[in-house]
């Protein structure tokens, strides 16, 4: 068994700096760090610089290569998306489409990795449908969605001035996602 700390990569946010989605992802990643894991955040600023994935373009851009390499070496992933019109955002879908670059890898796409799903949306209906959509995409990419996925209703505000969750239930959801991804990565390392 390796003594290396599991690396959990967080992918998510929006093009808006300080978005609630990226804040939620950061809190989930803090739970990973508290449990002894290492983290890397590919947030909204990074995602907004990714070109639209085009399979006809033979060479990936530096940003596309960076995303692919981060996922390639990750022991687990946490994906966070806002709920836009009942589904994940375009910037998040583009990032997940870019993982097509991993199709020829020994571990293609998200194979053998737990994937935590975090959704922020203005209302419970959008949160629920978006979470279901994201979990389906993770399955299609051969990832293992964690048993718990966080769905946060941003309609009343989610975070205080220091960036913490206003509601204890939201903090619990985000910590649970981070802990489950880390626990799975640790179990996989023992095999």
N, C-alpha and C. Protein backbone atom coordinates (compact mmCIF):
# COMPACT_ATOMS: atom_id res chain seq x y z
N UNK A 1 0.84 -1.17 0.00
CA UNK A 1 0.00 0.00 0.00
C UNK A 1 0.89 1.24 0.00
N UNK A 2 0.54 2.19 -0.83
CA UNK A 2 1.30 3.43 -0.97
C UNK A 2 1.09 4.34 0.23
N UNK A 3 2.15 5.07 0.60
CA UNK A 3 2.01 6.05 1.68
C UNK A 3 1.63 7.42 1.12
N UNK A 4 1.50 7.51 -0.18
CA UNK A 4 1.12 8.76 -0.84
C UNK A 4 -0.31 9.12 -0.47
N UNK A 5 -0.54 10.40 -0.23
CA UNK A 5 -1.90 10.87 0.05
C UNK A 5 -2.74 10.80 -1.22
N UNK A 6 -3.99 10.37 -1.12
CA UNK A 6 -4.84 10.36 -2.30
C UNK A 6 -5.05 11.78 -2.83
N UNK A 7 -5.03 11.92 -4.14
CA UNK A 7 -5.26 13.20 -4.79
C UNK A 7 -6.70 13.26 -5.29
N UNK A 8 -7.44 14.23 -4.80
CA UNK A 8 -8.81 14.44 -5.23
C UNK A 8 -8.86 15.77 -6.00
N UNK A 9 -9.32 15.70 -7.24
CA UNK A 9 -9.38 16.87 -8.09
C UNK A 9 -10.82 17.39 -8.11
N UNK A 10 -10.96 18.67 -7.83
CA UNK A 10 -12.26 19.33 -7.90
C UNK A 10 -12.38 20.10 -9.19
N UNK A 11 -13.46 19.84 -9.92
CA UNK A 11 -13.72 20.50 -11.20
C UNK A 11 -15.08 21.16 -11.10
N UNK A 12 -15.11 22.48 -11.23
CA UNK A 12 -16.42 23.12 -11.20
C UNK A 12 -16.38 24.60 -10.91
N UNK A 13 -17.53 25.17 -11.03
CA UNK A 13 -17.71 26.59 -10.84
C UNK A 13 -18.43 27.17 -12.03
N UNK A 14 -18.43 28.47 -12.09
CA UNK A 14 -19.04 29.17 -13.23
C UNK A 14 -18.06 30.23 -13.71
N UNK A 15 -18.45 30.95 -14.73
CA UNK A 15 -17.58 32.00 -15.25
C UNK A 15 -17.59 33.22 -14.32
N UNK A 16 -18.48 33.24 -13.35
CA UNK A 16 -18.55 34.36 -12.39
C UNK A 16 -17.58 34.11 -11.24
N UNK A 17 -16.62 35.01 -11.01
CA UNK A 17 -15.69 34.84 -9.88
C UNK A 17 -16.45 34.75 -8.56
N UNK A 18 -16.03 33.84 -7.70
CA UNK A 18 -16.66 33.68 -6.39
C UNK A 18 -18.04 33.07 -6.44
N UNK A 19 -18.33 32.30 -7.48
CA UNK A 19 -19.66 31.71 -7.63
C UNK A 19 -19.99 30.78 -6.47
N UNK A 20 -21.27 30.61 -6.20
CA UNK A 20 -21.69 29.71 -5.13
C UNK A 20 -21.27 28.28 -5.44
N UNK A 21 -21.23 27.92 -6.70
CA UNK A 21 -20.82 26.56 -7.07
C UNK A 21 -19.36 26.32 -6.72
N UNK A 22 -18.50 27.27 -7.04
CA UNK A 22 -17.08 27.10 -6.72
C UNK A 22 -16.86 27.15 -5.21
N UNK A 23 -17.61 27.97 -4.50
CA UNK A 23 -17.49 28.01 -3.05
C UNK A 23 -17.89 26.66 -2.44
N UNK A 24 -18.97 26.09 -2.95
CA UNK A 24 -19.41 24.78 -2.46
C UNK A 24 -18.34 23.73 -2.72
N UNK A 25 -17.76 23.75 -3.91
CA UNK A 25 -16.70 22.80 -4.25
C UNK A 25 -15.50 22.96 -3.32
N UNK A 26 -15.14 24.18 -3.02
CA UNK A 26 -14.01 24.45 -2.12
C UNK A 26 -14.27 23.87 -0.74
N UNK A 27 -15.49 23.97 -0.25
CA UNK A 27 -15.82 23.41 1.06
C UNK A 27 -15.72 21.88 1.03
N UNK A 28 -16.18 21.26 -0.05
CA UNK A 28 -16.06 19.80 -0.17
C UNK A 28 -14.59 19.39 -0.22
N UNK A 29 -13.76 20.16 -0.90
CA UNK A 29 -12.33 19.85 -0.97
C UNK A 29 -11.66 20.04 0.39
N UNK A 30 -12.13 20.98 1.18
CA UNK A 30 -11.58 21.15 2.54
C UNK A 30 -11.83 19.90 3.38
N UNK A 31 -12.98 19.27 3.20
CA UNK A 31 -13.27 18.03 3.92
C UNK A 31 -12.29 16.93 3.51
N UNK A 32 -11.91 16.91 2.25
CA UNK A 32 -10.90 15.95 1.77
C UNK A 32 -9.57 16.21 2.48
N UNK A 33 -9.16 17.47 2.53
CA UNK A 33 -7.90 17.83 3.19
C UNK A 33 -7.94 17.49 4.67
N UNK A 34 -9.08 17.73 5.32
CA UNK A 34 -9.22 17.41 6.75
C UNK A 34 -9.10 15.91 7.00
N UNK A 35 -9.46 15.12 5.99
CA UNK A 35 -9.37 13.67 6.10
C UNK A 35 -8.03 13.10 5.68
N UNK A 36 -7.10 13.96 5.30
CA UNK A 36 -5.76 13.48 4.95
C UNK A 36 -5.48 13.38 3.46
N UNK A 37 -6.36 13.89 2.63
CA UNK A 37 -6.12 13.85 1.19
C UNK A 37 -5.51 15.14 0.68
N UNK A 38 -4.98 15.07 -0.52
CA UNK A 38 -4.48 16.25 -1.22
C UNK A 38 -5.54 16.66 -2.23
N UNK A 39 -5.59 17.94 -2.54
CA UNK A 39 -6.60 18.43 -3.47
C UNK A 39 -6.00 19.32 -4.54
N UNK A 40 -6.73 19.41 -5.61
CA UNK A 40 -6.41 20.36 -6.68
C UNK A 40 -7.74 20.89 -7.20
N UNK A 41 -7.85 22.19 -7.33
CA UNK A 41 -9.07 22.83 -7.80
C UNK A 41 -8.88 23.35 -9.22
N UNK A 42 -9.75 22.93 -10.10
CA UNK A 42 -9.86 23.50 -11.44
C UNK A 42 -11.21 24.21 -11.47
N UNK A 43 -11.19 25.48 -11.11
CA UNK A 43 -12.41 26.25 -10.90
C UNK A 43 -12.92 26.95 -12.14
N UNK A 44 -13.85 27.84 -11.89
CA UNK A 44 -14.54 28.53 -12.97
C UNK A 44 -13.62 29.30 -13.90
N UNK A 45 -12.62 29.97 -13.36
CA UNK A 45 -11.68 30.72 -14.20
C UNK A 45 -10.99 29.78 -15.17
N UNK A 46 -10.52 28.63 -14.67
CA UNK A 46 -9.87 27.64 -15.54
C UNK A 46 -10.86 27.12 -16.58
N UNK A 47 -12.06 26.74 -16.13
CA UNK A 47 -13.04 26.15 -17.04
C UNK A 47 -13.47 27.13 -18.13
N UNK A 48 -13.51 28.41 -17.81
CA UNK A 48 -13.92 29.40 -18.81
C UNK A 48 -12.88 29.58 -19.91
N UNK A 49 -11.65 29.15 -19.66
CA UNK A 49 -10.59 29.24 -20.67
C UNK A 49 -10.50 28.00 -21.55
N UNK A 50 -11.26 26.96 -21.22
CA UNK A 50 -11.25 25.75 -22.05
C UNK A 50 -11.98 26.03 -23.36
N UNK A 51 -11.36 25.74 -24.50
CA UNK A 51 -12.11 25.90 -25.75
C UNK A 51 -13.18 24.82 -25.84
N UNK A 52 -14.17 25.07 -26.67
CA UNK A 52 -15.21 24.07 -26.90
C UNK A 52 -14.53 22.81 -27.44
N UNK A 53 -14.85 21.67 -26.82
CA UNK A 53 -14.23 20.42 -27.26
C UNK A 53 -14.68 20.10 -28.68
N UNK A 54 -13.72 19.81 -29.54
CA UNK A 54 -13.99 19.45 -30.93
C UNK A 54 -13.15 18.23 -31.26
N UNK A 55 -13.78 17.05 -31.43
CA UNK A 55 -13.00 15.85 -31.70
C UNK A 55 -12.24 15.88 -33.02
N UNK A 56 -12.59 16.81 -33.91
CA UNK A 56 -11.89 16.91 -35.20
C UNK A 56 -10.56 17.64 -35.09
N UNK A 57 -10.33 18.32 -33.97
CA UNK A 57 -9.05 19.02 -33.77
C UNK A 57 -8.05 18.02 -33.21
N UNK A 58 -6.97 17.75 -33.92
CA UNK A 58 -6.06 16.66 -33.51
C UNK A 58 -5.24 16.92 -32.25
N UNK A 59 -4.87 18.16 -31.99
CA UNK A 59 -4.02 18.47 -30.85
C UNK A 59 -4.78 19.27 -29.80
N UNK A 60 -4.76 18.79 -28.56
CA UNK A 60 -5.44 19.56 -27.51
C UNK A 60 -4.68 20.84 -27.18
N UNK A 61 -5.41 21.82 -26.68
CA UNK A 61 -4.79 23.06 -26.21
C UNK A 61 -4.09 22.77 -24.88
N UNK A 62 -3.24 23.68 -24.42
CA UNK A 62 -2.60 23.49 -23.11
C UNK A 62 -3.63 23.31 -21.99
N UNK A 63 -4.73 24.07 -22.03
CA UNK A 63 -5.76 23.93 -20.98
C UNK A 63 -6.43 22.56 -21.05
N UNK A 64 -6.73 22.10 -22.24
CA UNK A 64 -7.34 20.78 -22.39
C UNK A 64 -6.39 19.69 -21.89
N UNK A 65 -5.13 19.83 -22.20
CA UNK A 65 -4.13 18.86 -21.72
C UNK A 65 -4.01 18.90 -20.21
N UNK A 66 -4.07 20.10 -19.64
CA UNK A 66 -3.99 20.24 -18.18
C UNK A 66 -5.16 19.53 -17.50
N UNK A 67 -6.36 19.73 -18.02
CA UNK A 67 -7.54 19.05 -17.46
C UNK A 67 -7.39 17.54 -17.58
N UNK A 68 -7.02 17.06 -18.75
CA UNK A 68 -6.87 15.63 -18.96
C UNK A 68 -5.82 15.03 -18.03
N UNK A 69 -4.71 15.70 -17.86
CA UNK A 69 -3.64 15.19 -17.00
C UNK A 69 -4.07 15.21 -15.53
N UNK A 70 -4.78 16.23 -15.11
CA UNK A 70 -5.25 16.30 -13.72
C UNK A 70 -6.17 15.13 -13.42
N UNK A 71 -7.08 14.82 -14.32
CA UNK A 71 -7.99 13.69 -14.12
C UNK A 71 -7.24 12.37 -14.22
N UNK A 72 -6.31 12.29 -15.13
CA UNK A 72 -5.52 11.06 -15.33
C UNK A 72 -4.83 10.62 -14.04
N UNK A 73 -4.28 11.56 -13.28
CA UNK A 73 -3.52 11.21 -12.08
C UNK A 73 -4.37 11.24 -10.81
N UNK A 74 -5.62 11.65 -10.93
CA UNK A 74 -6.48 11.77 -9.76
C UNK A 74 -6.91 10.40 -9.23
N UNK A 75 -7.01 10.33 -7.91
CA UNK A 75 -7.54 9.14 -7.24
C UNK A 75 -9.05 9.25 -7.06
N UNK A 76 -9.57 10.45 -7.16
CA UNK A 76 -11.00 10.72 -7.06
C UNK A 76 -11.28 12.11 -7.60
N UNK A 77 -12.53 12.35 -7.90
CA UNK A 77 -12.94 13.61 -8.51
C UNK A 77 -14.17 14.12 -7.78
N UNK A 78 -14.27 15.43 -7.65
CA UNK A 78 -15.52 16.06 -7.23
C UNK A 78 -15.89 17.05 -8.33
N UNK A 79 -17.09 16.88 -8.87
CA UNK A 79 -17.59 17.73 -9.94
C UNK A 79 -18.71 18.59 -9.36
N UNK A 80 -18.62 19.90 -9.59
CA UNK A 80 -19.64 20.82 -9.10
C UNK A 80 -20.16 21.68 -10.24
N UNK A 81 -21.48 21.70 -10.36
CA UNK A 81 -22.10 22.47 -11.43
C UNK A 81 -23.30 23.25 -10.90
N UNK A 82 -23.53 24.42 -11.47
CA UNK A 82 -24.81 25.06 -11.18
C UNK A 82 -25.89 24.33 -11.98
N UNK A 83 -27.11 24.46 -11.52
CA UNK A 83 -28.24 23.94 -12.27
C UNK A 83 -28.79 25.04 -13.16
N UNK A 84 -28.63 24.88 -14.46
CA UNK A 84 -29.16 25.84 -15.42
C UNK A 84 -30.27 25.17 -16.21
N UNK A 85 -31.47 25.61 -16.03
CA UNK A 85 -32.62 25.10 -16.78
C UNK A 85 -32.75 23.59 -16.67
N UNK A 86 -32.52 23.08 -15.47
CA UNK A 86 -32.71 21.66 -15.19
C UNK A 86 -31.55 20.77 -15.58
N UNK A 87 -30.40 21.34 -15.91
CA UNK A 87 -29.25 20.52 -16.30
C UNK A 87 -27.96 21.22 -15.87
N UNK A 88 -26.84 20.57 -16.17
CA UNK A 88 -25.55 21.15 -15.84
C UNK A 88 -25.26 22.30 -16.79
N UNK A 89 -24.34 23.16 -16.40
CA UNK A 89 -23.98 24.31 -17.23
C UNK A 89 -23.19 23.88 -18.46
N UNK A 90 -23.18 24.74 -19.46
CA UNK A 90 -22.43 24.46 -20.68
C UNK A 90 -20.94 24.35 -20.43
N UNK A 91 -20.41 25.22 -19.55
CA UNK A 91 -18.98 25.18 -19.25
C UNK A 91 -18.60 23.85 -18.58
N UNK A 92 -19.51 23.34 -17.74
CA UNK A 92 -19.24 22.06 -17.08
C UNK A 92 -19.36 20.90 -18.07
N UNK A 93 -20.36 20.96 -18.94
CA UNK A 93 -20.52 19.90 -19.96
C UNK A 93 -19.31 19.88 -20.88
N UNK A 94 -18.81 21.06 -21.25
CA UNK A 94 -17.63 21.13 -22.10
C UNK A 94 -16.42 20.47 -21.42
N UNK A 95 -16.24 20.74 -20.13
CA UNK A 95 -15.12 20.12 -19.41
C UNK A 95 -15.26 18.59 -19.41
N UNK A 96 -16.46 18.12 -19.17
CA UNK A 96 -16.66 16.66 -19.17
C UNK A 96 -16.50 16.08 -20.57
N UNK A 97 -16.94 16.80 -21.60
CA UNK A 97 -16.72 16.35 -22.97
C UNK A 97 -15.23 16.28 -23.29
N UNK A 98 -14.46 17.19 -22.74
CA UNK A 98 -13.01 17.22 -22.98
C UNK A 98 -12.33 15.95 -22.46
N UNK A 99 -12.95 15.27 -21.51
CA UNK A 99 -12.37 14.03 -21.00
C UNK A 99 -12.34 12.92 -22.05
N UNK A 100 -12.91 13.19 -23.21
CA UNK A 100 -12.78 12.26 -24.34
C UNK A 100 -11.30 12.06 -24.68
N UNK A 101 -10.46 13.03 -24.30
CA UNK A 101 -9.01 12.89 -24.51
C UNK A 101 -8.44 11.68 -23.78
N UNK A 102 -9.16 11.15 -22.79
CA UNK A 102 -8.68 10.02 -22.00
C UNK A 102 -9.20 8.67 -22.52
N UNK A 103 -9.86 8.66 -23.65
CA UNK A 103 -10.50 7.42 -24.13
C UNK A 103 -9.53 6.28 -24.38
N UNK A 104 -8.29 6.58 -24.72
CA UNK A 104 -7.30 5.53 -25.02
C UNK A 104 -6.42 5.19 -23.83
N UNK A 105 -6.65 5.83 -22.68
CA UNK A 105 -5.84 5.58 -21.48
C UNK A 105 -6.07 4.18 -20.93
N UNK A 106 -5.12 3.72 -20.12
CA UNK A 106 -5.28 2.44 -19.42
C UNK A 106 -6.51 2.49 -18.52
N UNK A 107 -6.77 3.66 -17.91
CA UNK A 107 -8.01 3.90 -17.14
C UNK A 107 -8.79 4.96 -17.92
N UNK A 108 -9.58 4.54 -18.92
CA UNK A 108 -10.26 5.54 -19.73
C UNK A 108 -11.26 6.37 -18.94
N UNK A 109 -11.39 7.62 -19.34
CA UNK A 109 -12.38 8.54 -18.76
C UNK A 109 -12.23 8.61 -17.23
N UNK A 110 -13.26 8.20 -16.49
CA UNK A 110 -13.24 8.25 -15.02
C UNK A 110 -13.17 6.86 -14.39
N UNK A 111 -12.74 5.89 -15.15
CA UNK A 111 -12.68 4.50 -14.69
C UNK A 111 -11.94 4.38 -13.36
N UNK A 112 -12.48 3.57 -12.47
CA UNK A 112 -11.88 3.24 -11.17
C UNK A 112 -11.77 4.42 -10.21
N UNK A 113 -12.56 5.45 -10.44
CA UNK A 113 -12.52 6.60 -9.55
C UNK A 113 -13.91 6.94 -9.05
N UNK A 114 -13.98 7.22 -7.75
CA UNK A 114 -15.22 7.76 -7.19
C UNK A 114 -15.35 9.19 -7.64
N UNK A 115 -16.58 9.59 -7.91
CA UNK A 115 -16.86 10.95 -8.35
C UNK A 115 -17.98 11.51 -7.48
N UNK A 116 -17.66 12.53 -6.72
CA UNK A 116 -18.66 13.22 -5.92
C UNK A 116 -19.34 14.28 -6.77
N UNK A 117 -20.64 14.40 -6.61
CA UNK A 117 -21.42 15.36 -7.40
C UNK A 117 -22.00 16.43 -6.48
N UNK A 118 -21.80 17.69 -6.85
CA UNK A 118 -22.29 18.83 -6.10
C UNK A 118 -23.06 19.73 -7.06
N UNK A 119 -24.28 20.08 -6.66
CA UNK A 119 -25.11 20.96 -7.48
C UNK A 119 -25.57 22.14 -6.64
N UNK A 120 -25.51 23.34 -7.22
CA UNK A 120 -26.15 24.51 -6.63
C UNK A 120 -27.16 25.01 -7.65
N UNK A 121 -28.36 25.29 -7.18
CA UNK A 121 -29.41 25.73 -8.11
C UNK A 121 -30.42 26.61 -7.38
N UNK A 122 -31.10 27.43 -8.13
CA UNK A 122 -32.13 28.31 -7.59
C UNK A 122 -33.45 27.54 -7.53
N UNK A 123 -33.54 26.62 -6.59
CA UNK A 123 -34.78 25.85 -6.42
C UNK A 123 -34.50 24.36 -6.39
N UNK A 124 -35.40 23.65 -5.71
CA UNK A 124 -35.19 22.21 -5.52
C UNK A 124 -35.39 21.42 -6.80
N UNK A 125 -36.32 21.82 -7.66
CA UNK A 125 -36.54 21.06 -8.89
C UNK A 125 -35.28 21.06 -9.75
N UNK A 126 -34.70 22.23 -9.96
CA UNK A 126 -33.47 22.32 -10.77
C UNK A 126 -32.32 21.57 -10.10
N UNK A 127 -32.23 21.65 -8.78
CA UNK A 127 -31.17 20.93 -8.07
C UNK A 127 -31.29 19.43 -8.27
N UNK A 128 -32.50 18.91 -8.15
CA UNK A 128 -32.72 17.47 -8.29
C UNK A 128 -32.47 16.96 -9.70
N UNK A 129 -33.02 17.66 -10.70
CA UNK A 129 -32.83 17.18 -12.07
C UNK A 129 -31.38 17.31 -12.51
N UNK A 130 -30.71 18.36 -12.06
CA UNK A 130 -29.31 18.55 -12.42
C UNK A 130 -28.43 17.48 -11.77
N UNK A 131 -28.71 17.13 -10.52
CA UNK A 131 -27.95 16.08 -9.86
C UNK A 131 -28.13 14.75 -10.59
N UNK A 132 -29.35 14.44 -10.99
CA UNK A 132 -29.61 13.20 -11.73
C UNK A 132 -28.86 13.20 -13.05
N UNK A 133 -28.86 14.33 -13.74
CA UNK A 133 -28.14 14.44 -15.01
C UNK A 133 -26.64 14.23 -14.82
N UNK A 134 -26.08 14.90 -13.82
CA UNK A 134 -24.64 14.78 -13.59
C UNK A 134 -24.26 13.35 -13.23
N UNK A 135 -25.06 12.71 -12.39
CA UNK A 135 -24.76 11.31 -12.02
C UNK A 135 -24.82 10.40 -13.25
N UNK A 136 -25.75 10.66 -14.16
CA UNK A 136 -25.84 9.87 -15.40
C UNK A 136 -24.61 10.06 -16.28
N UNK A 137 -24.13 11.30 -16.37
CA UNK A 137 -22.93 11.57 -17.16
C UNK A 137 -21.73 10.87 -16.54
N UNK A 138 -21.61 10.91 -15.22
CA UNK A 138 -20.50 10.23 -14.55
C UNK A 138 -20.53 8.73 -14.85
N UNK A 139 -21.71 8.14 -14.81
CA UNK A 139 -21.83 6.72 -15.18
C UNK A 139 -21.38 6.49 -16.61
N UNK A 140 -21.80 7.36 -17.54
CA UNK A 140 -21.42 7.21 -18.94
C UNK A 140 -19.90 7.31 -19.12
N UNK A 141 -19.25 8.07 -18.25
CA UNK A 141 -17.80 8.20 -18.29
C UNK A 141 -17.10 7.12 -17.45
N UNK A 142 -17.85 6.11 -17.04
CA UNK A 142 -17.34 4.94 -16.31
C UNK A 142 -16.88 5.27 -14.89
N UNK A 143 -17.30 6.41 -14.36
CA UNK A 143 -16.99 6.76 -12.98
C UNK A 143 -18.00 6.16 -12.04
N UNK A 144 -17.67 6.18 -10.76
CA UNK A 144 -18.54 5.65 -9.72
C UNK A 144 -19.05 6.80 -8.88
N UNK A 145 -20.27 7.30 -9.16
CA UNK A 145 -20.79 8.37 -8.31
C UNK A 145 -20.88 7.90 -6.87
N UNK A 146 -20.50 8.77 -5.96
CA UNK A 146 -20.60 8.42 -4.54
C UNK A 146 -22.06 8.20 -4.19
N UNK A 147 -22.31 7.41 -3.14
CA UNK A 147 -23.70 7.18 -2.75
C UNK A 147 -24.46 8.48 -2.47
N UNK A 148 -23.77 9.48 -1.94
CA UNK A 148 -24.43 10.74 -1.63
C UNK A 148 -23.98 11.80 -2.61
N UNK A 149 -24.93 12.56 -3.13
CA UNK A 149 -24.65 13.72 -3.97
C UNK A 149 -25.27 14.93 -3.31
N UNK A 150 -24.58 16.05 -3.32
CA UNK A 150 -25.07 17.26 -2.65
C UNK A 150 -25.89 18.10 -3.62
N UNK A 151 -27.10 18.44 -3.20
CA UNK A 151 -27.97 19.33 -3.97
C UNK A 151 -28.32 20.50 -3.07
N UNK A 152 -27.81 21.68 -3.39
CA UNK A 152 -28.00 22.86 -2.55
C UNK A 152 -28.92 23.86 -3.25
N UNK A 153 -29.93 24.30 -2.53
CA UNK A 153 -30.87 25.29 -3.03
C UNK A 153 -30.34 26.68 -2.69
N UNK A 154 -29.90 27.39 -3.71
CA UNK A 154 -29.27 28.70 -3.52
C UNK A 154 -30.28 29.84 -3.44
N UNK A 155 -31.56 29.54 -3.51
CA UNK A 155 -32.59 30.59 -3.56
C UNK A 155 -32.52 31.54 -2.36
N UNK A 156 -32.19 31.04 -1.19
CA UNK A 156 -32.13 31.90 0.00
C UNK A 156 -30.73 32.30 0.40
N UNK A 157 -29.74 32.01 -0.43
CA UNK A 157 -28.34 32.26 -0.07
C UNK A 157 -27.73 31.05 0.59
N UNK A 158 -26.48 30.81 0.32
CA UNK A 158 -25.82 29.61 0.84
C UNK A 158 -24.67 29.90 1.80
N UNK A 159 -23.99 31.04 1.62
CA UNK A 159 -22.74 31.26 2.33
C UNK A 159 -22.75 32.56 3.12
N UNK A 160 -22.00 32.54 4.23
CA UNK A 160 -21.85 33.74 5.03
C UNK A 160 -20.68 34.57 4.50
N UNK A 161 -20.38 35.67 5.14
CA UNK A 161 -19.33 36.58 4.68
C UNK A 161 -17.95 35.94 4.66
N UNK A 162 -17.74 34.93 5.51
CA UNK A 162 -16.44 34.25 5.56
C UNK A 162 -16.35 33.08 4.58
N UNK A 163 -17.43 32.81 3.85
CA UNK A 163 -17.42 31.72 2.87
C UNK A 163 -17.91 30.40 3.41
N UNK A 164 -18.34 30.36 4.67
CA UNK A 164 -18.88 29.13 5.24
C UNK A 164 -20.36 28.99 4.92
N UNK A 165 -20.87 27.80 5.08
CA UNK A 165 -22.29 27.55 4.83
C UNK A 165 -23.15 28.21 5.90
N UNK A 166 -24.22 28.82 5.49
CA UNK A 166 -25.18 29.41 6.42
C UNK A 166 -25.92 28.29 7.17
N UNK A 167 -26.31 27.27 6.42
CA UNK A 167 -27.08 26.16 6.98
C UNK A 167 -26.16 24.97 7.29
N UNK A 168 -26.31 24.40 8.46
CA UNK A 168 -25.51 23.23 8.85
C UNK A 168 -25.76 22.05 7.91
N UNK A 169 -26.98 21.92 7.42
CA UNK A 169 -27.30 20.80 6.52
C UNK A 169 -26.50 20.89 5.22
N UNK A 170 -26.26 22.09 4.74
CA UNK A 170 -25.47 22.26 3.52
C UNK A 170 -24.00 21.92 3.77
N UNK A 171 -23.48 22.36 4.91
CA UNK A 171 -22.09 22.03 5.27
C UNK A 171 -21.94 20.52 5.38
N UNK A 172 -22.93 19.85 5.98
CA UNK A 172 -22.89 18.40 6.12
C UNK A 172 -22.89 17.73 4.75
N UNK A 173 -23.74 18.21 3.84
CA UNK A 173 -23.80 17.62 2.50
C UNK A 173 -22.44 17.69 1.80
N UNK A 174 -21.83 18.87 1.83
CA UNK A 174 -20.55 19.06 1.14
C UNK A 174 -19.45 18.25 1.78
N UNK A 175 -19.42 18.21 3.09
CA UNK A 175 -18.41 17.39 3.79
C UNK A 175 -18.62 15.91 3.47
N UNK A 176 -19.86 15.47 3.41
CA UNK A 176 -20.14 14.06 3.13
C UNK A 176 -19.64 13.67 1.74
N UNK A 177 -19.86 14.52 0.75
CA UNK A 177 -19.36 14.23 -0.59
C UNK A 177 -17.85 14.11 -0.57
N UNK A 178 -17.16 15.08 0.03
CA UNK A 178 -15.70 15.03 0.10
C UNK A 178 -15.19 13.80 0.83
N UNK A 179 -15.82 13.48 1.95
CA UNK A 179 -15.40 12.31 2.74
C UNK A 179 -15.61 11.01 1.98
N UNK A 180 -16.74 10.89 1.26
CA UNK A 180 -17.00 9.65 0.53
C UNK A 180 -16.02 9.45 -0.61
N UNK A 181 -15.69 10.51 -1.33
CA UNK A 181 -14.70 10.39 -2.41
C UNK A 181 -13.35 9.98 -1.83
N UNK A 182 -12.93 10.62 -0.75
CA UNK A 182 -11.65 10.29 -0.12
C UNK A 182 -11.65 8.87 0.43
N UNK A 183 -12.72 8.46 1.09
CA UNK A 183 -12.79 7.10 1.64
C UNK A 183 -12.66 6.06 0.54
N UNK A 184 -13.32 6.29 -0.58
CA UNK A 184 -13.23 5.35 -1.69
C UNK A 184 -11.79 5.30 -2.22
N UNK A 185 -11.15 6.45 -2.36
CA UNK A 185 -9.77 6.49 -2.86
C UNK A 185 -8.84 5.74 -1.94
N UNK A 186 -9.06 5.87 -0.63
CA UNK A 186 -8.23 5.14 0.35
C UNK A 186 -8.47 3.64 0.25
N UNK A 187 -9.72 3.24 0.12
CA UNK A 187 -10.03 1.80 -0.02
C UNK A 187 -9.39 1.24 -1.28
N UNK A 188 -9.47 1.96 -2.39
CA UNK A 188 -8.90 1.51 -3.65
C UNK A 188 -7.38 1.36 -3.53
N UNK A 189 -6.73 2.27 -2.78
CA UNK A 189 -5.29 2.21 -2.60
C UNK A 189 -4.85 0.97 -1.83
N UNK A 190 -5.74 0.45 -0.97
CA UNK A 190 -5.40 -0.74 -0.19
C UNK A 190 -5.49 -2.02 -0.98
N UNK A 191 -6.13 -1.98 -2.14
CA UNK A 191 -6.29 -3.20 -2.95
C UNK A 191 -5.01 -3.62 -3.61
